[in-house]
């Protein structure tokens, strides 16, 4: 039976526009296309883990609007357990995304129902956390809820992963002792450590600071430059597979979900990182958030170019 990954986090409807470039302040651009796509870092990571071989449960909140039912249905289609996805009055979370011709994106998030996920919500579904092998969190729900999930995961002896996204500054110091794997990208590692991560060497400095703060292990994702792993004793730079990028939306979420699924299913850290990297590389060759996430079959059939 596949191992159990429990994702505590956000569900957003992504409102996606493609344009030739990202708009400047005060500028109006003519867009090329528009679509609504289920997303949210939590839901994306849940979908990635499910497609990539894990048995997954989601803990989160959706609104009482049309988006809420669509977001729940998108998870159910993937076989994800949604008993802990609650419906609250008001709007669901949304993300306004602009993608340019070079596949870069700019995103504005409105929390909506994601702001209603509380520690009490998690207490009500403690049995779901108890059934986990791996617990995955991000920062698109209230900070006190994330802190509770991390601490409870540690108390239960689970493998705890935090993807600190989006990050605007340092994490609460008391969180670090509960984190087995901290997985920031360059900008998040910069925000957490105060070090400008613009090279592999800078990533090593930032990762070392995060280990010294108390994180168990750190993986800094570096986009096309791969990923940097450290456990405080050694560093390993793992090169990314080379692909032609179409849309980088949800690449980081795909990596985290793939890494969690592989780790939960008994892969070594290095194998899990490489598995996540292949999954993320495949995701950037396709448009959208959840639609871009590959399956286990896709990853197993990947042949580097």
Foldseek 3Di string as FASTA:
>chain_A
DFAEEEEEFAKAWEWEWEAQDDDDPPDDGDTDDIDIDIDGLRLLLQLLLLQQGHAYEYAAEAEPDPVRVVNVVVCVVSVYHDPRYYYDYWHGKYKYWYAHQLQDIDIDIDHIRLQVCALVSCVVVVVSLLRHQEYEYEPSYDLRNVQSSLVSNVVSVHAYEYEHPPAQAARPLVSQQSHAEYEYEQVNLCRHQVFRPPDPVSVVVSQLSSVVSRHQKYWYQYVQQAIWIDRNPDIDGDGAFDDRFRHQAQLSSSLSSQLRSCVSRPDDNVVSNNLSRLQSRQLRNDDDRNVSGHGSVCSVPDDGD
